[in-house]
Amino acid sequence: MESSRKAQDWLNNLKTEAQFFREGKSPSLEIVEKLLDAFGRPDLFFDWRIVVGGTAGKGSTCAYIEETLLDNGKKVAVLSSPEIQVVTERIRINGKLIDLESFGKVVFQVMMMAEKLKIRPTYYEVITLAGIVAAKESGCEIFVAEVGMGGRLDAVNALKGKRIAVLTFVGEDHLEFFNYSVEKLAEEKAGIFTKNSVLNLSFEQKYCSILEKNAFGKIVYVKGIKEKLNKKIARKACEKILGCSDFVMTQRKLPCRWEKFITADGFQVFLEGAHSYPRFEYILPKLKKIHGKKVVIFAMTKNHDPESFNILLDFFHEVIFTQVQGKRVFWDKKELSSKLKRGILADTPQEALIKAKEISNKIVVLGSFYLCGAIRENFYPSELIEKNQSEFF
């Protein structure tokens, strides 16, 4: 319908958070708060809100929470970021991606309200508002929101009402937006532990004192084997909501989290959206299990540090650097090759895939979810994701 197309065009022309920071403007929740007030505070509709922040592990933590609560009869909405292939991936209603028509309608509502108030939100703020409004209209009891960046001034932190706040851990990511200080980043991430929190959870180890200084209420620290901490912290959140511990934890598959494809002509392709040192470190054991000659296709957005990739660099016979066209600003492939002192260049992800196949039958795609999404199109086309309302079919 015409209004939906108009809303989509409006959305696509809004600034991203990266542009916002590059202009040197101080972030604020003012616009999100004004829009929520104008909509009658739909965020107060839910029985529970779960806000999940941290440098890595947010997606899998949200997935564990979502699937477990759905399995136990709850109506659940999930707001996540970024989208990998289609924008509707950002809003899940009761286990399915929001359909395109509903997405267009709810974005149109946000657009009309923003124009009425004479304010111009960012792309991310609109998605956040759209997710909240869509979840209320769908009658969801629980709203799970993944923090985009930081915490205290992230749009999802405008959510009012009883919440569970989950912070995985604090790592050295997005430091350019926080005066290149991990301590400052920790302060910002602790901002999700608000006065509305009835349970604060984290498995951070190093910056606990900073978190506690900036949090409202006690923080419960979850300990255990690193590979199982996301599941363990998700269980704590579910126990609070369900009021019991006698349930089975399940997890929805996540696209581009060490996702493996085997092509008809015998190529193995691994998609992994890792773009920071902690995630590169996490997948290292998985990478070691791929025996023989391996080639990596690599691209990275400007808000991440390419040198963090050095931990994995020597495991590859060859590196192919490329870029992805879109709203995010990527490191130029020549800059990446210069910084990492090796590699060959490809103008597009598809060209990179062709070159990779000429070198090895074992191909790993790393550095950006957007890059992985571009390669994933070969296996799960966007139009079918939208039609099936699922990243898998």
Protein backbone atom coordinates (compact mmCIF):
# COMPACT_ATOMS: atom_id res chain seq x y z
CA MET A 1 0.00 0.00 0.00
CA GLU A 2 1.11 3.55 -0.72
CA SER A 3 1.38 4.65 2.93
CA SER A 4 3.66 1.69 3.74
CA ARG A 5 5.96 2.46 0.82
CA LYS A 6 6.09 6.10 1.87
CA ALA A 7 6.96 5.07 5.43
CA GLN A 8 9.70 2.71 4.22
CA ASP A 9 11.24 5.44 2.08
CA TRP A 10 11.12 7.84 5.02
CA LEU A 11 12.75 5.26 7.30
CA ASN A 12 15.54 4.50 4.84
CA ASN A 13 16.42 8.20 4.58
CA LEU A 14 16.84 8.70 8.32
CA LYS A 15 20.23 9.02 9.95
CA THR A 16 21.86 6.02 11.53
CA GLU A 17 23.33 6.18 15.01
CA ALA A 18 26.81 6.10 13.49
CA GLN A 19 26.09 9.27 11.52
CA PHE A 20 24.66 10.83 14.67
CA PHE A 21 27.87 10.22 16.61
CA ARG A 22 30.10 11.33 13.74
CA GLU A 23 28.41 14.73 13.87
CA GLY A 24 29.59 15.08 17.45
CA LYS A 25 26.10 15.41 18.93
CA SER A 26 25.40 14.21 22.43
CA PRO A 27 22.98 11.25 22.42
CA SER A 28 19.67 11.65 24.21
CA LEU A 29 16.49 9.74 24.95
CA GLU A 30 14.42 12.90 24.51
CA ILE A 31 12.96 12.05 21.09
CA VAL A 32 12.11 8.46 22.03
CA GLU A 33 10.46 9.65 25.25
CA LYS A 34 8.37 12.23 23.36
CA LEU A 35 7.19 9.63 20.88
CA LEU A 36 6.37 7.09 23.59
CA ASP A 37 4.39 9.74 25.47
CA ALA A 38 2.55 10.69 22.29
CA PHE A 39 1.60 7.03 21.73
CA GLY A 40 0.28 6.78 25.29
CA ARG A 41 3.28 4.89 26.68
CA PRO A 42 2.76 1.51 24.96
CA ASP A 43 5.86 0.27 26.79
CA LEU A 44 3.77 0.17 29.98
CA PHE A 45 1.41 -2.36 28.42
CA PHE A 46 3.66 -5.39 28.97
CA ASP A 47 3.81 -7.52 32.09
CA TRP A 48 7.60 -7.74 31.80
CA ARG A 49 10.41 -6.04 29.94
CA ILE A 50 13.80 -7.68 29.51
CA VAL A 51 16.64 -5.41 28.40
CA VAL A 52 19.76 -7.26 27.24
CA GLY A 53 23.06 -5.40 26.83
CA GLY A 54 26.74 -6.30 26.59
CA THR A 55 29.58 -6.44 24.13
CA ALA A 56 28.70 -9.90 22.79
CA GLY A 57 26.24 -12.69 23.50
CA LYS A 58 23.13 -10.51 23.36
CA GLY A 59 21.57 -12.31 20.41
CA SER A 60 21.90 -15.82 21.79
CA THR A 61 20.76 -14.69 25.25
CA CYS A 62 17.63 -13.14 23.74
CA ALA A 63 17.04 -16.29 21.68
CA TYR A 64 17.23 -18.54 24.75
CA ILE A 65 14.81 -16.28 26.63
CA GLU A 66 12.42 -16.01 23.68
CA GLU A 67 12.17 -19.72 22.90
CA THR A 68 11.90 -20.77 26.56
CA LEU A 69 9.10 -18.32 27.28
CA LEU A 70 7.26 -19.26 24.09
CA ASP A 71 7.56 -22.93 25.02
CA ASN A 72 5.92 -22.06 28.33
CA GLY A 73 2.90 -20.40 26.74
CA LYS A 74 3.94 -16.76 26.94
CA LYS A 75 3.31 -14.16 24.24
CA VAL A 76 6.71 -12.68 23.49
CA ALA A 77 8.07 -9.91 21.28
CA VAL A 78 11.79 -9.46 20.60
CA LEU A 79 13.54 -6.34 19.35
CA SER A 80 17.03 -7.05 18.01
CA SER A 81 19.75 -5.47 15.89
CA PRO A 82 21.14 -5.31 13.37
CA GLU A 83 19.16 -6.93 10.59
CA ILE A 84 21.27 -9.31 8.54
CA GLN A 85 19.26 -9.43 5.33
CA VAL A 86 15.84 -7.82 5.79
CA VAL A 87 14.71 -5.10 8.18
CA THR A 88 11.81 -7.19 9.51
CA GLU A 89 14.37 -9.41 11.27
CA ARG A 90 14.57 -6.67 13.89
CA ILE A 91 11.05 -7.29 15.20
CA ARG A 92 9.84 -10.78 16.15
CA ILE A 93 6.30 -11.36 17.33
CA ASN A 94 5.57 -14.72 18.98
CA GLY A 95 8.45 -16.44 17.25
CA LYS A 96 7.96 -15.04 13.74
CA LEU A 97 9.37 -12.03 11.95
CA ILE A 98 6.87 -9.21 11.67
CA ASP A 99 5.21 -9.36 8.26
CA LEU A 100 6.02 -6.65 5.74
CA GLU A 101 2.53 -5.18 5.69
CA SER A 102 2.36 -4.86 9.48
CA PHE A 103 5.87 -3.43 9.56
CA GLY A 104 4.96 -0.79 6.98
CA LYS A 105 1.82 0.15 8.89
CA VAL A 106 3.55 0.56 12.24
CA VAL A 107 6.43 2.56 10.74
CA PHE A 108 3.82 4.76 9.08
CA GLN A 109 2.26 5.38 12.50
CA VAL A 110 5.64 6.43 13.89
CA MET A 111 6.30 8.63 10.87
CA MET A 112 2.96 10.42 11.18
CA MET A 113 3.48 10.99 14.91
CA ALA A 114 7.02 12.28 14.37
CA GLU A 115 5.80 14.70 11.70
CA LYS A 116 3.00 15.84 13.98
CA LEU A 117 5.51 16.54 16.76
CA LYS A 118 7.95 18.10 14.26
CA ILE A 119 10.80 15.85 15.36
CA ARG A 120 13.11 13.65 13.31
CA PRO A 121 14.18 10.41 15.00
CA THR A 122 17.05 8.21 13.85
CA TYR A 123 16.59 4.94 11.96
CA TYR A 124 17.25 2.93 15.13
CA GLU A 125 14.83 5.01 17.22
CA VAL A 126 12.04 4.41 14.70
CA ILE A 127 12.66 0.64 14.70
CA THR A 128 12.56 0.69 18.50
CA LEU A 129 9.26 2.58 18.55
CA ALA A 130 7.82 0.37 15.81
CA GLY A 131 8.73 -2.75 17.77
CA ILE A 132 7.11 -1.49 20.96
CA VAL A 133 3.91 -0.43 19.20
CA ALA A 134 3.69 -3.65 17.17
CA ALA A 135 4.23 -5.77 20.29
CA LYS A 136 1.44 -3.99 22.13
CA GLU A 137 -0.93 -4.28 19.17
CA SER A 138 -0.18 -8.02 19.05
CA GLY A 139 -1.02 -8.44 22.73
CA CYS A 140 2.44 -9.57 23.81
CA GLU A 141 2.96 -10.04 27.53
CA ILE A 142 6.74 -9.84 27.49
CA PHE A 143 8.98 -7.49 25.52
CA VAL A 144 12.62 -8.51 25.07
CA ALA A 145 14.87 -5.69 23.84
CA GLU A 146 18.47 -6.04 22.73
CA VAL A 147 20.59 -2.94 23.35
CA GLY A 148 22.09 -1.56 20.16
CA MET A 149 25.10 0.23 21.62
CA GLY A 150 26.09 1.36 25.10
CA GLY A 151 23.07 1.21 27.36
CA ARG A 152 22.17 4.29 29.38
CA LEU A 153 21.24 6.36 26.32
CA ASP A 154 20.28 3.56 23.96
CA ALA A 155 16.70 3.94 22.72
CA VAL A 156 15.51 0.70 24.38
CA ASN A 157 16.48 2.12 27.76
CA ALA A 158 13.50 4.49 27.49
CA LEU A 159 11.26 1.52 28.32
CA LYS A 160 9.29 2.21 31.48
CA GLY A 161 7.87 -0.38 33.84
CA LYS A 162 9.09 -3.51 35.61
CA ARG A 163 12.16 -4.92 33.92
CA ILE A 164 14.86 -7.53 34.13
CA ALA A 165 18.20 -6.06 33.07
CA VAL A 166 20.79 -8.43 31.63
CA LEU A 167 24.35 -7.36 30.87
CA THR A 168 26.56 -10.09 29.42
CA PHE A 169 29.98 -8.48 29.78
CA VAL A 170 31.97 -5.34 28.96
CA GLY A 171 34.46 -5.60 26.11
CA GLU A 172 36.48 -3.16 24.04
CA ASP A 173 33.93 -2.39 21.36
CA HIS A 174 32.59 0.97 20.10
CA LEU A 175 35.22 2.71 22.25
CA GLU A 176 35.47 5.60 19.79
CA PHE A 177 32.01 6.68 20.97
CA PHE A 178 33.07 6.59 24.65
CA ASN A 179 36.30 8.58 24.71
CA TYR A 180 38.28 5.37 24.06
CA SER A 181 37.69 4.38 27.68
CA VAL A 182 36.50 0.91 28.66
CA GLU A 183 35.64 2.33 32.07
CA LYS A 184 33.37 4.94 30.48
CA LEU A 185 31.79 2.21 28.35
CA ALA A 186 31.16 0.15 31.49
CA GLU A 187 29.42 3.14 33.09
CA GLU A 188 27.17 3.51 30.05
CA LYS A 189 26.34 -0.19 29.92
CA ALA A 190 25.44 -0.13 33.61
CA GLY A 191 22.75 2.40 32.73
CA ILE A 192 20.31 -0.40 31.92
CA PHE A 193 20.22 -1.26 35.64
CA THR A 194 17.52 1.32 36.36
CA LYS A 195 15.11 1.99 39.23
CA ASN A 196 12.58 -0.14 37.37
CA SER A 197 14.83 -3.22 37.51
CA VAL A 198 13.59 -5.99 39.75
CA LEU A 199 16.50 -8.22 38.78
CA ASN A 200 19.94 -7.22 37.51
CA LEU A 201 22.09 -9.95 35.96
CA SER A 202 25.62 -10.02 34.55
CA PHE A 203 28.59 -12.32 34.02
CA GLU A 204 31.09 -9.46 33.84
CA GLN A 205 34.23 -10.14 35.90
CA LYS A 206 36.62 -7.23 35.54
CA TYR A 207 34.47 -4.09 35.78
CA CYS A 208 32.07 -5.15 38.54
CA SER A 209 32.88 -2.19 40.80
CA ILE A 210 32.05 0.28 38.01
CA LEU A 211 28.80 -1.51 37.23
CA GLU A 212 27.77 -1.50 40.89
CA LYS A 213 28.63 2.18 41.30
CA ASN A 214 26.37 3.11 38.38
CA ALA A 215 23.54 0.62 38.91
CA PHE A 216 20.31 0.93 40.84
CA GLY A 217 19.98 -2.18 42.98
CA LYS A 218 22.05 -5.28 43.51
CA ILE A 219 23.64 -7.09 40.57
CA VAL A 220 23.51 -10.88 40.57
CA TYR A 221 26.66 -12.25 38.93
CA VAL A 222 26.42 -15.50 37.01
CA LYS A 223 29.52 -17.67 36.90
CA GLY A 224 30.48 -20.78 34.99
CA ILE A 225 31.99 -22.12 31.78
CA LYS A 226 32.31 -19.28 29.26
CA GLU A 227 30.57 -21.17 26.45
CA LYS A 228 27.50 -21.77 28.65
CA LEU A 229 27.11 -18.36 30.28
CA ASN A 230 24.57 -16.97 27.79
CA LYS A 231 22.28 -19.92 28.45
CA LYS A 232 22.85 -19.71 32.19
CA ILE A 233 22.06 -16.00 32.44
CA ALA A 234 18.98 -16.45 30.24
CA ARG A 235 17.77 -19.18 32.59
CA LYS A 236 17.97 -16.79 35.56
CA ALA A 237 15.77 -14.30 33.70
CA CYS A 238 13.24 -16.99 32.76
CA GLU A 239 13.11 -18.31 36.32
CA LYS A 240 12.11 -14.85 37.53
CA ILE A 241 9.32 -14.54 34.99
CA LEU A 242 7.99 -18.11 35.19
CA GLY A 243 8.34 -18.29 38.97
CA CYS A 244 9.98 -21.71 38.83
CA SER A 245 13.10 -23.50 37.66
CA ASP A 246 11.48 -26.69 36.38
CA PHE A 247 11.66 -26.01 32.65
CA VAL A 248 13.82 -26.96 29.69
CA MET A 249 15.90 -24.28 27.99
CA THR A 250 15.69 -24.22 24.22
CA GLN A 251 17.36 -21.94 21.68
CA ARG A 252 16.25 -20.78 18.27
CA LYS A 253 18.88 -21.06 15.59
CA LEU A 254 20.55 -17.76 14.80
CA PRO A 255 21.68 -16.81 11.31
CA CYS A 256 25.36 -16.01 10.80
CA ARG A 257 26.47 -17.31 14.18
CA TRP A 258 28.88 -19.97 12.99
CA GLU A 259 26.29 -21.04 10.43
CA LYS A 260 27.49 -23.74 8.05
CA PHE A 261 26.41 -24.40 4.47
CA ILE A 262 27.57 -27.15 2.12
CA THR A 263 26.98 -26.29 -1.51
CA ALA A 264 25.97 -28.75 -4.23
CA ASP A 265 29.48 -28.58 -5.66
CA GLY A 266 31.10 -29.50 -2.34
CA PHE A 267 32.15 -26.12 -0.88
CA GLN A 268 31.86 -25.57 2.86
CA VAL A 269 30.86 -21.99 3.75
CA PHE A 270 30.85 -20.77 7.36
CA LEU A 271 29.07 -17.49 8.15
CA GLU A 272 30.05 -15.73 11.38
CA GLY A 273 29.16 -12.10 12.08
CA ALA A 274 31.98 -11.68 14.63
CA HIS A 275 33.42 -8.17 14.55
CA SER A 276 35.19 -7.75 17.87
CA TYR A 277 38.06 -9.39 19.77
CA PRO A 278 35.85 -11.29 22.29
CA ARG A 279 33.84 -12.92 19.53
CA PHE A 280 36.95 -13.69 17.45
CA GLU A 281 38.41 -15.31 20.57
CA TYR A 282 35.18 -17.25 21.13
CA ILE A 283 35.17 -18.83 17.65
CA LEU A 284 38.87 -19.71 17.70
CA PRO A 285 38.29 -23.31 18.90
CA LYS A 286 35.66 -23.79 16.18
CA LEU A 287 38.06 -22.49 13.56
CA LYS A 288 40.78 -24.89 14.69
CA LYS A 289 38.45 -27.81 14.00
CA ILE A 290 38.30 -26.97 10.29
CA HIS A 291 41.27 -28.92 8.99
CA GLY A 292 43.13 -28.16 5.80
CA LYS A 293 43.51 -25.02 3.74
CA LYS A 294 41.01 -22.28 4.61
CA VAL A 295 40.24 -18.91 3.04
CA VAL A 296 38.43 -16.04 4.76
CA ILE A 297 36.28 -13.31 3.24
CA PHE A 298 36.52 -10.25 5.48
CA ALA A 299 34.87 -6.82 5.72
CA MET A 300 34.32 -4.53 8.69
CA THR A 301 32.44 -1.33 9.41
CA LYS A 302 34.38 1.77 10.43
CA ASN A 303 33.15 1.64 14.03
CA HIS A 304 35.16 -1.53 14.68
CA ASP A 305 38.89 -2.15 14.93
CA PRO A 306 40.32 -4.32 12.11
CA GLU A 307 43.42 -5.12 14.17
CA SER A 308 41.26 -7.16 16.54
CA PHE A 309 41.16 -9.69 13.69
CA ASN A 310 44.89 -10.41 14.13
CA ILE A 311 44.06 -13.16 16.63
CA LEU A 312 42.67 -15.27 13.74
CA LEU A 313 44.69 -14.06 10.78
CA ASP A 314 47.36 -16.78 10.75
CA PHE A 315 44.78 -19.56 10.59
CA PHE A 316 43.93 -18.73 6.98
CA HIS A 317 45.83 -19.63 3.84
CA GLU A 318 44.44 -16.49 2.19
CA VAL A 319 42.38 -13.42 3.13
CA ILE A 320 40.01 -11.69 0.70
CA PHE A 321 39.04 -8.15 1.71
CA THR A 322 35.84 -6.60 0.39
CA GLN A 323 33.17 -4.01 1.23
CA VAL A 324 29.39 -3.93 1.45
CA GLN A 325 27.29 -1.18 -0.09
CA GLY A 326 24.62 0.35 2.15
CA LYS A 327 24.01 2.80 4.97
CA ARG A 328 26.94 1.64 7.11
CA VAL A 329 30.40 2.96 6.32
CA PHE A 330 32.89 0.15 5.76
CA TRP A 331 36.64 0.18 5.90
CA ASP A 332 38.00 0.46 2.39
CA LYS A 333 39.32 -2.93 1.30
CA LYS A 334 42.70 -1.38 0.49
CA GLU A 335 42.89 0.10 4.00
CA LEU A 336 42.14 -3.31 5.51
CA SER A 337 44.85 -4.96 3.43
CA SER A 338 47.32 -2.26 4.46
CA LYS A 339 46.46 -2.49 8.16
CA LEU A 340 46.61 -6.28 8.28
CA LYS A 341 49.55 -6.53 5.87
CA ARG A 342 48.18 -9.24 3.60
CA GLY A 343 45.26 -10.25 1.45
CA ILE A 344 43.72 -9.87 -1.97
CA LEU A 345 40.90 -7.51 -2.90
CA ALA A 346 37.37 -7.96 -4.24
CA ASP A 347 34.95 -5.17 -5.11
CA THR A 348 31.84 -7.01 -3.87
CA PRO A 349 30.98 -9.91 -1.55
CA GLN A 350 29.89 -12.02 -4.51
CA GLU A 351 33.17 -11.39 -6.31
CA ALA A 352 34.96 -12.31 -3.09
CA LEU A 353 33.05 -15.60 -2.96
CA ILE A 354 34.07 -16.43 -6.52
CA LYS A 355 37.72 -15.71 -5.74
CA ALA A 356 37.53 -17.73 -2.52
CA LYS A 357 36.24 -20.79 -4.38
CA GLU A 358 39.26 -20.61 -6.67
CA ILE A 359 41.54 -20.99 -3.62
CA SER A 360 39.84 -23.46 -1.27
CA ASN A 361 36.66 -25.44 -0.68
CA LYS A 362 36.58 -24.22 2.94
CA ILE A 363 35.44 -20.62 3.16
CA VAL A 364 34.86 -18.57 6.31
CA VAL A 365 33.03 -15.22 6.17
CA LEU A 366 33.87 -12.84 9.04
CA GLY A 367 33.86 -9.25 10.26
CA SER A 368 30.32 -8.02 9.65
CA PHE A 369 26.76 -9.28 9.82
CA TYR A 370 26.07 -7.22 6.70
CA LEU A 371 28.80 -9.07 4.83
CA CYS A 372 27.46 -12.42 6.05
CA GLY A 373 23.97 -11.36 5.00
CA ALA A 374 25.18 -10.57 1.49
CA ILE A 375 26.73 -14.05 1.16
CA ARG A 376 23.72 -15.68 2.86
CA GLU A 377 21.54 -14.46 -0.01
CA ASN A 378 22.97 -17.37 -2.01
CA PHE A 379 21.32 -19.79 0.41
CA TYR A 380 18.31 -17.93 1.87
CA PRO A 381 17.06 -15.18 -0.47
CA SER A 382 15.57 -12.11 1.22
CA GLU A 383 12.24 -12.36 -0.56
CA LEU A 384 11.69 -15.84 0.85
CA ILE A 385 12.70 -14.73 4.34
CA GLU A 386 10.06 -12.00 4.15
CA LYS A 387 7.44 -14.39 2.69
CA ASN A 388 8.06 -17.12 5.29
CA GLN A 389 8.59 -14.65 8.17
CA SER A 390 11.63 -16.67 9.18
CA GLU A 391 15.37 -16.64 8.55
CA PHE A 392 15.18 -20.42 8.04
CA PHE A 393 12.88 -22.45 5.80
